[in-house]
Amino acid sequence: MNDYLNRINPSLKTPVIEDLLVQAEKLNTPIIREDAIRLILQLIQLSKTKKILEIGTAIGYSAIMMATYSDCHVTTIERDEESFKIAKKNIAKANLTSQIDVIHMDANLYTPHEEEMFDLLFIDAAKANYERFFERFEAHVKPGGLIICDNLLFHGLVEHPEETHSKNTKSLVKKIDNFNRFLTSKEGYETTLYEIGDGLSISIKKE
């Protein structure tokens, strides 16, 4: 079915984005799946999002996609120095330096300006820290704004943890499951988890 949808849906691939996909494969860098980024791009348009805070830049793929297909401004945080340097080059190559600010910092240490507010918070970083990121930045999401998290099914292992024998992976899967339960029970938000990409949550902050 995905092959059919990829054929029939309008292509999102520009030369820069094609290059990013090749980079991601060569560097073995996980990036958001196409069906998930398509949904996010539509949500950005539907919600008239103008300001986005992204936790986890990697090589800049999702930030570049969001800035390419909307007029939003993206602030994106990346702790890995090599990924930060690659992202900076990719953003410049895409001529999006005026739309995307990439910051080299551990997101656990980053604090937006006290009154700075975002329409959308996108979390796609170290999964063990998702709850911490959510609680750290939720005050900077406008009422009616969105918080979106990726990789919440973790290749199906969250539903079937018995399929891995790695102690570290089992621990991570448990943390993701705990976060999913935290999300769906958190007051002040309307949250749904979707089997899109590798598991995508969409939380609407109540007015």
N, C-alpha and C. Protein backbone atom coordinates (compact mmCIF):
# COMPACT_ATOMS: atom_id res chain seq x y z
N MET A 1 0.83 -1.21 0.00
CA MET A 1 0.00 0.00 0.00
C MET A 1 0.86 1.26 0.00
N ASN A 2 1.96 1.26 0.77
CA ASN A 2 2.81 2.45 0.82
C ASN A 2 3.36 2.80 -0.55
N ASP A 3 3.74 1.79 -1.35
CA ASP A 3 4.25 2.05 -2.69
C ASP A 3 3.19 2.74 -3.54
N TYR A 4 1.95 2.28 -3.42
CA TYR A 4 0.86 2.90 -4.17
C TYR A 4 0.67 4.35 -3.75
N LEU A 5 0.64 4.60 -2.44
CA LEU A 5 0.44 5.96 -1.95
C LEU A 5 1.59 6.87 -2.36
N ASN A 6 2.80 6.36 -2.32
CA ASN A 6 3.95 7.16 -2.74
C ASN A 6 3.88 7.52 -4.21
N ARG A 7 3.28 6.62 -5.02
CA ARG A 7 3.14 6.90 -6.45
C ARG A 7 2.05 7.92 -6.72
N ILE A 8 0.94 7.82 -5.97
CA ILE A 8 -0.22 8.64 -6.31
C ILE A 8 -0.20 10.01 -5.63
N ASN A 9 0.44 10.12 -4.48
CA ASN A 9 0.52 11.41 -3.80
C ASN A 9 1.52 12.32 -4.50
N PRO A 10 1.30 13.63 -4.44
CA PRO A 10 2.27 14.56 -5.04
C PRO A 10 3.64 14.37 -4.40
N SER A 11 4.67 14.41 -5.22
CA SER A 11 6.03 14.22 -4.72
C SER A 11 6.47 15.39 -3.85
N LEU A 12 7.15 15.07 -2.76
CA LEU A 12 7.73 16.10 -1.89
C LEU A 12 9.23 16.25 -2.14
N LYS A 13 9.74 15.57 -3.14
CA LYS A 13 11.19 15.50 -3.32
C LYS A 13 11.70 16.61 -4.24
N THR A 14 12.52 17.47 -3.67
CA THR A 14 13.28 18.45 -4.42
C THR A 14 14.71 17.89 -4.54
N PRO A 15 15.58 18.49 -5.35
CA PRO A 15 16.96 18.02 -5.39
C PRO A 15 17.64 18.03 -4.03
N VAL A 16 17.38 19.04 -3.21
CA VAL A 16 17.98 19.10 -1.87
C VAL A 16 17.46 17.96 -1.00
N ILE A 17 16.16 17.71 -1.06
CA ILE A 17 15.58 16.66 -0.23
C ILE A 17 16.04 15.28 -0.72
N GLU A 18 16.17 15.11 -2.03
CA GLU A 18 16.72 13.86 -2.57
C GLU A 18 18.12 13.62 -2.00
N ASP A 19 18.93 14.69 -1.95
CA ASP A 19 20.28 14.58 -1.41
C ASP A 19 20.25 14.23 0.07
N LEU A 20 19.30 14.78 0.81
CA LEU A 20 19.17 14.47 2.24
C LEU A 20 18.85 12.99 2.45
N LEU A 21 17.99 12.45 1.62
CA LEU A 21 17.63 11.04 1.74
C LEU A 21 18.85 10.15 1.49
N VAL A 22 19.66 10.52 0.52
CA VAL A 22 20.89 9.77 0.24
C VAL A 22 21.85 9.89 1.43
N GLN A 23 22.00 11.09 1.96
CA GLN A 23 22.86 11.31 3.13
C GLN A 23 22.43 10.44 4.30
N ALA A 24 21.13 10.46 4.58
CA ALA A 24 20.61 9.71 5.72
C ALA A 24 20.94 8.23 5.60
N GLU A 25 20.82 7.70 4.38
CA GLU A 25 21.11 6.28 4.16
C GLU A 25 22.60 6.01 4.33
N LYS A 26 23.45 6.87 3.76
CA LYS A 26 24.90 6.68 3.86
C LYS A 26 25.38 6.78 5.30
N LEU A 27 24.82 7.72 6.05
CA LEU A 27 25.26 7.96 7.42
C LEU A 27 24.53 7.08 8.42
N ASN A 28 23.56 6.30 7.92
CA ASN A 28 22.73 5.46 8.79
C ASN A 28 22.04 6.30 9.86
N THR A 29 21.53 7.46 9.42
CA THR A 29 20.83 8.39 10.31
C THR A 29 19.33 8.20 10.19
N PRO A 30 18.65 7.83 11.27
CA PRO A 30 17.19 7.68 11.19
C PRO A 30 16.52 9.03 10.93
N ILE A 31 15.59 9.07 9.99
CA ILE A 31 14.81 10.28 9.75
C ILE A 31 13.34 9.91 9.74
N ILE A 32 12.50 10.89 9.91
CA ILE A 32 11.06 10.65 9.97
C ILE A 32 10.58 10.06 8.64
N ARG A 33 9.64 9.14 8.72
CA ARG A 33 9.13 8.49 7.51
C ARG A 33 8.23 9.44 6.73
N GLU A 34 8.11 9.16 5.44
CA GLU A 34 7.40 10.09 4.56
C GLU A 34 5.93 10.26 4.93
N ASP A 35 5.24 9.18 5.32
CA ASP A 35 3.83 9.33 5.66
C ASP A 35 3.65 10.22 6.89
N ALA A 36 4.59 10.14 7.82
CA ALA A 36 4.49 10.96 9.03
C ALA A 36 4.76 12.43 8.73
N ILE A 37 5.78 12.72 7.93
CA ILE A 37 6.07 14.12 7.62
C ILE A 37 4.97 14.72 6.76
N ARG A 38 4.35 13.91 5.90
CA ARG A 38 3.21 14.42 5.11
C ARG A 38 2.08 14.88 6.03
N LEU A 39 1.77 14.07 7.04
CA LEU A 39 0.70 14.44 7.98
C LEU A 39 1.08 15.73 8.72
N ILE A 40 2.32 15.81 9.19
CA ILE A 40 2.76 17.00 9.91
C ILE A 40 2.64 18.24 9.03
N LEU A 41 3.02 18.13 7.78
CA LEU A 41 2.94 19.28 6.88
C LEU A 41 1.50 19.75 6.70
N GLN A 42 0.57 18.80 6.63
CA GLN A 42 -0.84 19.20 6.52
C GLN A 42 -1.33 19.83 7.81
N LEU A 43 -0.90 19.30 8.96
CA LEU A 43 -1.29 19.89 10.24
C LEU A 43 -0.75 21.31 10.37
N ILE A 44 0.46 21.55 9.89
CA ILE A 44 1.03 22.89 9.93
C ILE A 44 0.15 23.86 9.14
N GLN A 45 -0.32 23.42 7.97
CA GLN A 45 -1.16 24.29 7.16
C GLN A 45 -2.54 24.48 7.79
N LEU A 46 -3.13 23.39 8.28
CA LEU A 46 -4.47 23.48 8.88
C LEU A 46 -4.48 24.36 10.13
N SER A 47 -3.42 24.27 10.92
CA SER A 47 -3.37 25.02 12.18
C SER A 47 -2.75 26.40 12.01
N LYS A 48 -2.34 26.72 10.76
CA LYS A 48 -1.71 28.01 10.47
C LYS A 48 -0.48 28.25 11.36
N THR A 49 0.29 27.19 11.54
CA THR A 49 1.49 27.25 12.37
C THR A 49 2.52 28.19 11.75
N LYS A 50 3.09 29.04 12.60
CA LYS A 50 4.13 29.98 12.17
C LYS A 50 5.45 29.76 12.88
N LYS A 51 5.41 29.27 14.12
CA LYS A 51 6.64 29.07 14.89
C LYS A 51 6.72 27.65 15.41
N ILE A 52 7.84 26.98 15.12
CA ILE A 52 8.02 25.59 15.50
C ILE A 52 9.30 25.45 16.33
N LEU A 53 9.22 24.66 17.40
CA LEU A 53 10.40 24.26 18.15
C LEU A 53 10.59 22.76 17.94
N GLU A 54 11.74 22.39 17.40
CA GLU A 54 12.04 20.98 17.13
C GLU A 54 13.16 20.52 18.04
N ILE A 55 12.95 19.40 18.72
CA ILE A 55 13.97 18.80 19.56
C ILE A 55 14.54 17.60 18.81
N GLY A 56 15.77 17.73 18.33
CA GLY A 56 16.41 16.68 17.56
C GLY A 56 16.48 17.04 16.09
N THR A 57 17.59 17.65 15.68
CA THR A 57 17.75 18.11 14.29
C THR A 57 18.23 17.00 13.38
N ALA A 58 19.15 16.17 13.88
CA ALA A 58 19.88 15.19 13.06
C ALA A 58 20.53 15.92 11.89
N ILE A 59 20.28 15.48 10.65
CA ILE A 59 20.93 16.13 9.50
C ILE A 59 20.07 17.27 8.94
N GLY A 60 18.95 17.59 9.60
CA GLY A 60 18.12 18.72 9.19
C GLY A 60 16.94 18.38 8.31
N TYR A 61 16.70 17.08 8.10
CA TYR A 61 15.66 16.67 7.15
C TYR A 61 14.28 17.21 7.50
N SER A 62 13.80 16.95 8.71
CA SER A 62 12.43 17.36 9.05
C SER A 62 12.29 18.87 9.12
N ALA A 63 13.30 19.56 9.64
CA ALA A 63 13.25 21.03 9.69
C ALA A 63 13.18 21.61 8.28
N ILE A 64 14.00 21.06 7.38
CA ILE A 64 14.00 21.53 5.99
C ILE A 64 12.67 21.23 5.32
N MET A 65 12.10 20.07 5.57
CA MET A 65 10.79 19.74 5.00
C MET A 65 9.73 20.73 5.49
N MET A 66 9.72 21.00 6.80
CA MET A 66 8.69 21.90 7.35
C MET A 66 8.85 23.31 6.82
N ALA A 67 10.10 23.78 6.68
CA ALA A 67 10.33 25.13 6.20
C ALA A 67 10.13 25.24 4.68
N THR A 68 10.40 24.16 3.96
CA THR A 68 10.23 24.17 2.50
C THR A 68 8.77 24.26 2.11
N TYR A 69 7.92 23.56 2.85
CA TYR A 69 6.51 23.45 2.46
C TYR A 69 5.58 24.31 3.31
N SER A 70 6.14 25.32 4.00
CA SER A 70 5.32 26.30 4.70
C SER A 70 6.17 27.55 4.89
N ASP A 71 5.56 28.60 5.40
CA ASP A 71 6.32 29.82 5.68
C ASP A 71 6.66 29.93 7.17
N CYS A 72 6.67 28.80 7.87
CA CYS A 72 6.94 28.81 9.30
C CYS A 72 8.42 29.05 9.58
N HIS A 73 8.69 29.46 10.81
CA HIS A 73 10.06 29.59 11.29
C HIS A 73 10.33 28.45 12.25
N VAL A 74 11.46 27.76 12.06
CA VAL A 74 11.81 26.59 12.87
C VAL A 74 13.05 26.89 13.70
N THR A 75 12.93 26.66 15.01
CA THR A 75 14.09 26.62 15.89
C THR A 75 14.34 25.17 16.22
N THR A 76 15.51 24.66 15.89
CA THR A 76 15.78 23.23 16.07
C THR A 76 17.05 23.03 16.88
N ILE A 77 17.01 22.06 17.79
CA ILE A 77 18.08 21.85 18.77
C ILE A 77 18.75 20.50 18.49
N GLU A 78 20.08 20.49 18.42
CA GLU A 78 20.83 19.26 18.19
C GLU A 78 22.06 19.22 19.10
N ARG A 79 22.24 18.14 19.84
CA ARG A 79 23.36 18.05 20.77
C ARG A 79 24.62 17.46 20.14
N ASP A 80 24.46 16.66 19.09
CA ASP A 80 25.62 16.02 18.47
C ASP A 80 26.31 17.00 17.53
N GLU A 81 27.60 17.23 17.77
CA GLU A 81 28.32 18.26 17.02
C GLU A 81 28.41 17.95 15.53
N GLU A 82 28.69 16.71 15.18
CA GLU A 82 28.81 16.35 13.77
C GLU A 82 27.48 16.52 13.05
N SER A 83 26.39 16.06 13.67
CA SER A 83 25.06 16.22 13.07
C SER A 83 24.71 17.70 12.92
N PHE A 84 25.05 18.48 13.93
CA PHE A 84 24.81 19.94 13.88
C PHE A 84 25.52 20.56 12.68
N LYS A 85 26.78 20.20 12.46
CA LYS A 85 27.54 20.77 11.34
C LYS A 85 26.93 20.37 10.00
N ILE A 86 26.53 19.10 9.89
CA ILE A 86 25.91 18.63 8.65
C ILE A 86 24.58 19.35 8.41
N ALA A 87 23.79 19.50 9.47
CA ALA A 87 22.50 20.19 9.35
C ALA A 87 22.68 21.63 8.90
N LYS A 88 23.67 22.32 9.48
CA LYS A 88 23.94 23.71 9.10
C LYS A 88 24.23 23.80 7.60
N LYS A 89 25.05 22.89 7.10
CA LYS A 89 25.39 22.90 5.67
C LYS A 89 24.15 22.62 4.82
N ASN A 90 23.34 21.65 5.25
CA ASN A 90 22.15 21.31 4.48
C ASN A 90 21.14 22.45 4.46
N ILE A 91 20.98 23.12 5.57
CA ILE A 91 20.05 24.25 5.65
C ILE A 91 20.51 25.38 4.75
N ALA A 92 21.82 25.64 4.75
CA ALA A 92 22.36 26.68 3.87
C ALA A 92 22.17 26.30 2.40
N LYS A 93 22.41 25.02 2.09
CA LYS A 93 22.25 24.55 0.71
C LYS A 93 20.80 24.70 0.24
N ALA A 94 19.86 24.54 1.18
CA ALA A 94 18.44 24.67 0.85
C ALA A 94 17.98 26.13 0.85
N ASN A 95 18.90 27.07 1.12
CA ASN A 95 18.57 28.50 1.19
C ASN A 95 17.49 28.79 2.23
N LEU A 96 17.62 28.14 3.38
CA LEU A 96 16.60 28.29 4.43
C LEU A 96 17.18 28.85 5.73
N THR A 97 18.34 29.50 5.66
CA THR A 97 18.95 30.01 6.89
C THR A 97 18.11 31.11 7.54
N SER A 98 17.28 31.78 6.77
CA SER A 98 16.41 32.81 7.36
C SER A 98 15.18 32.21 8.03
N GLN A 99 14.87 30.95 7.69
CA GLN A 99 13.68 30.30 8.25
C GLN A 99 14.01 29.30 9.35
N ILE A 100 15.25 28.82 9.38
CA ILE A 100 15.62 27.78 10.33
C ILE A 100 16.82 28.24 11.16
N ASP A 101 16.64 28.26 12.47
CA ASP A 101 17.74 28.48 13.41
C ASP A 101 18.11 27.14 14.02
N VAL A 102 19.33 26.67 13.79
CA VAL A 102 19.77 25.41 14.38
C VAL A 102 20.75 25.72 15.49
N ILE A 103 20.49 25.16 16.65
CA ILE A 103 21.26 25.46 17.86
C ILE A 103 21.98 24.20 18.32
N HIS A 104 23.29 24.33 18.53
CA HIS A 104 24.09 23.20 19.02
C HIS A 104 24.06 23.21 20.54
N MET A 105 23.24 22.33 21.11
CA MET A 105 23.07 22.30 22.56
C MET A 105 22.28 21.06 22.96
N ASP A 106 22.53 20.58 24.16
CA ASP A 106 21.67 19.55 24.75
C ASP A 106 20.33 20.19 25.07
N ALA A 107 19.25 19.62 24.55
CA ALA A 107 17.93 20.21 24.76
C ALA A 107 17.56 20.27 26.24
N ASN A 108 18.18 19.43 27.07
CA ASN A 108 17.93 19.49 28.50
C ASN A 108 18.48 20.77 29.12
N LEU A 109 19.34 21.47 28.39
CA LEU A 109 19.95 22.70 28.89
C LEU A 109 19.39 23.95 28.19
N TYR A 110 18.62 23.73 27.13
CA TYR A 110 18.10 24.86 26.35
C TYR A 110 16.84 25.42 27.01
N THR A 111 16.80 26.73 27.13
CA THR A 111 15.63 27.40 27.68
C THR A 111 15.21 28.53 26.75
N PRO A 112 14.02 28.46 26.17
CA PRO A 112 13.55 29.58 25.33
C PRO A 112 13.41 30.84 26.18
N HIS A 113 13.35 31.97 25.52
CA HIS A 113 13.08 33.21 26.25
C HIS A 113 11.76 33.06 27.00
N GLU A 114 11.69 33.70 28.15
CA GLU A 114 10.57 33.48 29.08
C GLU A 114 9.20 33.61 28.42
N GLU A 115 9.04 34.58 27.54
CA GLU A 115 7.73 34.82 26.94
C GLU A 115 7.62 34.26 25.52
N GLU A 116 8.65 33.51 25.08
CA GLU A 116 8.62 32.97 23.72
C GLU A 116 7.65 31.80 23.64
N MET A 117 6.77 31.84 22.65
CA MET A 117 5.75 30.82 22.49
C MET A 117 5.81 30.24 21.08
N PHE A 118 5.46 28.96 20.99
CA PHE A 118 5.49 28.24 19.72
C PHE A 118 4.11 27.67 19.42
N ASP A 119 3.83 27.56 18.13
CA ASP A 119 2.57 26.93 17.70
C ASP A 119 2.68 25.41 17.70
N LEU A 120 3.92 24.93 17.53
CA LEU A 120 4.14 23.49 17.41
C LEU A 120 5.46 23.11 18.07
N LEU A 121 5.41 22.10 18.91
CA LEU A 121 6.60 21.48 19.47
C LEU A 121 6.71 20.08 18.86
N PHE A 122 7.84 19.81 18.19
CA PHE A 122 8.07 18.51 17.57
C PHE A 122 9.24 17.83 18.27
N ILE A 123 8.98 16.68 18.88
CA ILE A 123 10.00 15.95 19.63
C ILE A 123 10.39 14.70 18.85
N ASP A 124 11.67 14.65 18.44
CA ASP A 124 12.18 13.52 17.68
C ASP A 124 13.66 13.38 18.01
N ALA A 125 13.93 13.02 19.26
CA ALA A 125 15.31 12.98 19.75
C ALA A 125 15.50 11.72 20.58
N ALA A 126 16.30 11.81 21.64
CA ALA A 126 16.57 10.65 22.50
C ALA A 126 15.26 10.22 23.18
N LYS A 127 14.80 9.04 22.82
CA LYS A 127 13.47 8.61 23.27
C LYS A 127 13.36 8.46 24.77
N ALA A 128 14.45 8.14 25.43
CA ALA A 128 14.41 7.98 26.88
C ALA A 128 14.12 9.30 27.59
N ASN A 129 14.29 10.43 26.87
CA ASN A 129 14.09 11.76 27.46
C ASN A 129 12.79 12.43 27.02
N TYR A 130 11.92 11.70 26.32
CA TYR A 130 10.72 12.34 25.77
C TYR A 130 9.86 13.03 26.85
N GLU A 131 9.64 12.34 27.95
CA GLU A 131 8.79 12.93 28.98
C GLU A 131 9.43 14.20 29.54
N ARG A 132 10.74 14.15 29.73
CA ARG A 132 11.46 15.32 30.24
C ARG A 132 11.35 16.48 29.25
N PHE A 133 11.50 16.19 27.95
CA PHE A 133 11.38 17.24 26.95
C PHE A 133 9.97 17.83 26.93
N PHE A 134 8.98 16.95 26.99
CA PHE A 134 7.59 17.39 26.97
C PHE A 134 7.35 18.37 28.13
N GLU A 135 7.74 17.97 29.32
CA GLU A 135 7.47 18.81 30.49
C GLU A 135 8.33 20.07 30.50
N ARG A 136 9.52 20.01 29.90
CA ARG A 136 10.41 21.17 29.89
C ARG A 136 9.87 22.28 28.97
N PHE A 137 9.26 21.88 27.84
CA PHE A 137 8.89 22.87 26.83
C PHE A 137 7.40 23.10 26.67
N GLU A 138 6.54 22.36 27.36
CA GLU A 138 5.11 22.51 27.13
C GLU A 138 4.60 23.89 27.48
N ALA A 139 5.23 24.56 28.44
CA ALA A 139 4.79 25.91 28.82
C ALA A 139 5.00 26.91 27.70
N HIS A 140 5.85 26.55 26.73
CA HIS A 140 6.14 27.45 25.62
C HIS A 140 5.32 27.13 24.38
N VAL A 141 4.32 26.25 24.54
CA VAL A 141 3.39 25.95 23.45
C VAL A 141 2.10 26.74 23.69
N LYS A 142 1.65 27.44 22.68
CA LYS A 142 0.45 28.26 22.81
C LYS A 142 -0.79 27.39 23.08
N PRO A 143 -1.75 27.91 23.82
CA PRO A 143 -3.04 27.21 23.92
C PRO A 143 -3.61 26.97 22.53
N GLY A 144 -4.06 25.76 22.28
CA GLY A 144 -4.52 25.40 20.95
C GLY A 144 -3.41 24.90 20.05
N GLY A 145 -2.17 24.98 20.54
CA GLY A 145 -1.02 24.51 19.77
C GLY A 145 -0.86 23.00 19.82
N LEU A 146 0.13 22.51 19.09
CA LEU A 146 0.35 21.07 18.93
C LEU A 146 1.68 20.64 19.51
N ILE A 147 1.68 19.44 20.10
CA ILE A 147 2.92 18.76 20.46
C ILE A 147 2.90 17.42 19.74
N ILE A 148 3.89 17.20 18.89
CA ILE A 148 3.96 15.98 18.09
C ILE A 148 5.23 15.23 18.44
N CYS A 149 5.10 13.92 18.66
CA CYS A 149 6.25 13.07 19.00
C CYS A 149 6.32 11.91 18.02
N ASP A 150 7.55 11.59 17.60
CA ASP A 150 7.76 10.51 16.63
C ASP A 150 8.42 9.31 17.29
N ASN A 151 8.35 8.16 16.63
CA ASN A 151 9.02 6.92 17.05
C ASN A 151 8.42 6.30 18.32
N LEU A 152 7.12 6.37 18.47
CA LEU A 152 6.50 5.89 19.71
C LEU A 152 6.09 4.43 19.67
N LEU A 153 6.26 3.78 18.54
CA LEU A 153 6.02 2.32 18.46
C LEU A 153 7.33 1.55 18.37
N PHE A 154 8.40 2.25 18.01
CA PHE A 154 9.76 1.71 17.99
C PHE A 154 9.83 0.35 17.29
N HIS A 155 9.50 0.38 16.00
CA HIS A 155 9.59 -0.81 15.14
C HIS A 155 8.68 -1.96 15.62
N GLY A 156 7.60 -1.61 16.30
CA GLY A 156 6.66 -2.62 16.79
C GLY A 156 7.04 -3.24 18.12
N LEU A 157 8.18 -2.86 18.67
CA LEU A 157 8.65 -3.49 19.91
C LEU A 157 7.92 -2.99 21.15
N VAL A 158 7.30 -1.81 21.06
CA VAL A 158 6.52 -1.33 22.21
C VAL A 158 5.31 -2.24 22.43
N GLU A 159 4.71 -2.68 21.34
CA GLU A 159 3.57 -3.61 21.45
C GLU A 159 4.04 -5.02 21.76
N HIS A 160 5.22 -5.39 21.23
CA HIS A 160 5.72 -6.76 21.40
C HIS A 160 7.14 -6.74 21.96
N PRO A 161 7.32 -6.35 23.22
CA PRO A 161 8.67 -6.29 23.80
C PRO A 161 9.35 -7.65 23.88
N GLU A 162 8.56 -8.71 23.82
CA GLU A 162 9.14 -10.05 23.89
C GLU A 162 9.96 -10.40 22.64
N GLU A 163 9.86 -9.57 21.61
CA GLU A 163 10.57 -9.86 20.37
C GLU A 163 12.03 -9.41 20.40
N THR A 164 12.45 -8.77 21.48
CA THR A 164 13.87 -8.43 21.62
C THR A 164 14.44 -9.10 22.86
N HIS A 165 15.70 -9.50 22.75
CA HIS A 165 16.38 -10.13 23.89
C HIS A 165 17.48 -9.22 24.45
N SER A 166 17.53 -8.00 23.91
CA SER A 166 18.52 -7.03 24.38
C SER A 166 17.99 -6.33 25.63
N LYS A 167 18.78 -6.37 26.68
CA LYS A 167 18.38 -5.73 27.93
C LYS A 167 18.21 -4.23 27.76
N ASN A 168 19.13 -3.60 27.02
CA ASN A 168 19.06 -2.16 26.80
C ASN A 168 17.83 -1.78 25.99
N THR A 169 17.55 -2.58 24.95
CA THR A 169 16.38 -2.29 24.13
C THR A 169 15.09 -2.48 24.92
N LYS A 170 15.04 -3.53 25.74
CA LYS A 170 13.85 -3.74 26.57
C LYS A 170 13.63 -2.57 27.52
N SER A 171 14.72 -2.04 28.08
CA SER A 171 14.61 -0.89 28.98
C SER A 171 14.09 0.33 28.24
N LEU A 172 14.59 0.57 27.02
CA LEU A 172 14.14 1.70 26.22
C LEU A 172 12.68 1.54 25.83
N VAL A 173 12.30 0.35 25.42
CA VAL A 173 10.91 0.08 25.04
C VAL A 173 9.98 0.35 26.21
N LYS A 174 10.39 -0.04 27.42
CA LYS A 174 9.59 0.22 28.61
C LYS A 174 9.42 1.72 28.85
N LYS A 175 10.49 2.47 28.63
CA LYS A 175 10.42 3.93 28.81
C LYS A 175 9.47 4.56 27.79
N ILE A 176 9.52 4.07 26.56
CA ILE A 176 8.61 4.60 25.54
C ILE A 176 7.17 4.28 25.90
N ASP A 177 6.92 3.04 26.35
CA ASP A 177 5.57 2.65 26.76
C ASP A 177 5.08 3.53 27.92
N ASN A 178 5.95 3.79 28.87
CA ASN A 178 5.57 4.66 29.99
C ASN A 178 5.24 6.07 29.50
N PHE A 179 6.02 6.55 28.53
CA PHE A 179 5.75 7.88 27.98
C PHE A 179 4.42 7.90 27.25
N ASN A 180 4.13 6.86 26.48
CA ASN A 180 2.86 6.80 25.77
C ASN A 180 1.68 6.85 26.75
N ARG A 181 1.82 6.17 27.87
CA ARG A 181 0.76 6.18 28.89
C ARG A 181 0.68 7.56 29.56
N PHE A 182 1.83 8.18 29.77
CA PHE A 182 1.88 9.54 30.30
C PHE A 182 1.13 10.50 29.36
N LEU A 183 1.42 10.37 28.06
CA LEU A 183 0.80 11.26 27.07
C LEU A 183 -0.71 11.14 27.05
N THR A 184 -1.19 9.91 26.96
CA THR A 184 -2.63 9.70 26.77
C THR A 184 -3.45 9.97 28.02
N SER A 185 -2.78 10.10 29.17
CA SER A 185 -3.50 10.38 30.40
C SER A 185 -3.27 11.81 30.91
N LYS A 186 -2.43 12.57 30.20
CA LYS A 186 -2.06 13.91 30.69
C LYS A 186 -3.22 14.88 30.53
N GLU A 187 -3.56 15.53 31.63
CA GLU A 187 -4.64 16.51 31.61
C GLU A 187 -4.19 17.77 30.88
N GLY A 188 -5.16 18.43 30.26
CA GLY A 188 -4.87 19.66 29.55
C GLY A 188 -4.56 19.44 28.08
N TYR A 189 -4.61 18.18 27.63
CA TYR A 189 -4.31 17.87 26.23
C TYR A 189 -5.31 16.85 25.69
N GLU A 190 -5.56 16.94 24.41
CA GLU A 190 -6.27 15.88 23.69
C GLU A 190 -5.23 15.16 22.84
N THR A 191 -4.94 13.90 23.17
CA THR A 191 -3.84 13.19 22.54
C THR A 191 -4.32 11.91 21.87
N THR A 192 -3.80 11.67 20.67
CA THR A 192 -4.04 10.40 19.99
C THR A 192 -2.72 9.89 19.43
N LEU A 193 -2.47 8.59 19.60
CA LEU A 193 -1.31 7.94 18.98
C LEU A 193 -1.77 7.27 17.70
N TYR A 194 -0.96 7.43 16.65
CA TYR A 194 -1.31 6.90 15.35
C TYR A 194 -0.25 5.91 14.86
N GLU A 195 -0.70 4.90 14.12
CA GLU A 195 0.22 3.95 13.51
C GLU A 195 0.67 4.53 12.17
N ILE A 196 1.34 5.65 12.27
CA ILE A 196 1.86 6.37 11.10
C ILE A 196 3.36 6.51 11.30
N GLY A 197 4.14 6.33 10.23
CA GLY A 197 5.58 6.33 10.42
C GLY A 197 5.96 5.20 11.37
N ASP A 198 6.74 5.56 12.39
CA ASP A 198 7.11 4.57 13.40
C ASP A 198 6.35 4.82 14.70
N GLY A 199 5.14 5.38 14.56
CA GLY A 199 4.31 5.71 15.71
C GLY A 199 4.38 7.20 15.99
N LEU A 200 3.28 7.90 15.74
CA LEU A 200 3.24 9.35 15.86
C LEU A 200 2.13 9.76 16.81
N SER A 201 2.46 10.62 17.76
CA SER A 201 1.43 11.15 18.66
C SER A 201 1.15 12.60 18.29
N ILE A 202 -0.11 12.99 18.41
CA ILE A 202 -0.51 14.38 18.20
C ILE A 202 -1.30 14.81 19.43
N SER A 203 -0.76 15.79 20.13
CA SER A 203 -1.39 16.33 21.34
C SER A 203 -1.82 17.76 21.07
N ILE A 204 -3.08 18.07 21.28
CA ILE A 204 -3.58 19.43 21.14
C ILE A 204 -3.69 20.04 22.54
N LYS A 205 -3.01 21.14 22.76
CA LYS A 205 -3.06 21.81 24.06
C LYS A 205 -4.39 22.56 24.18
N LYS A 206 -5.14 22.25 25.22
CA LYS A 206 -6.45 22.85 25.37
C LYS A 206 -6.36 24.33 25.65
N GLU A 207 -7.36 25.04 25.18
CA GLU A 207 -7.38 26.51 25.34
C GLU A 207 -7.51 26.87 26.82
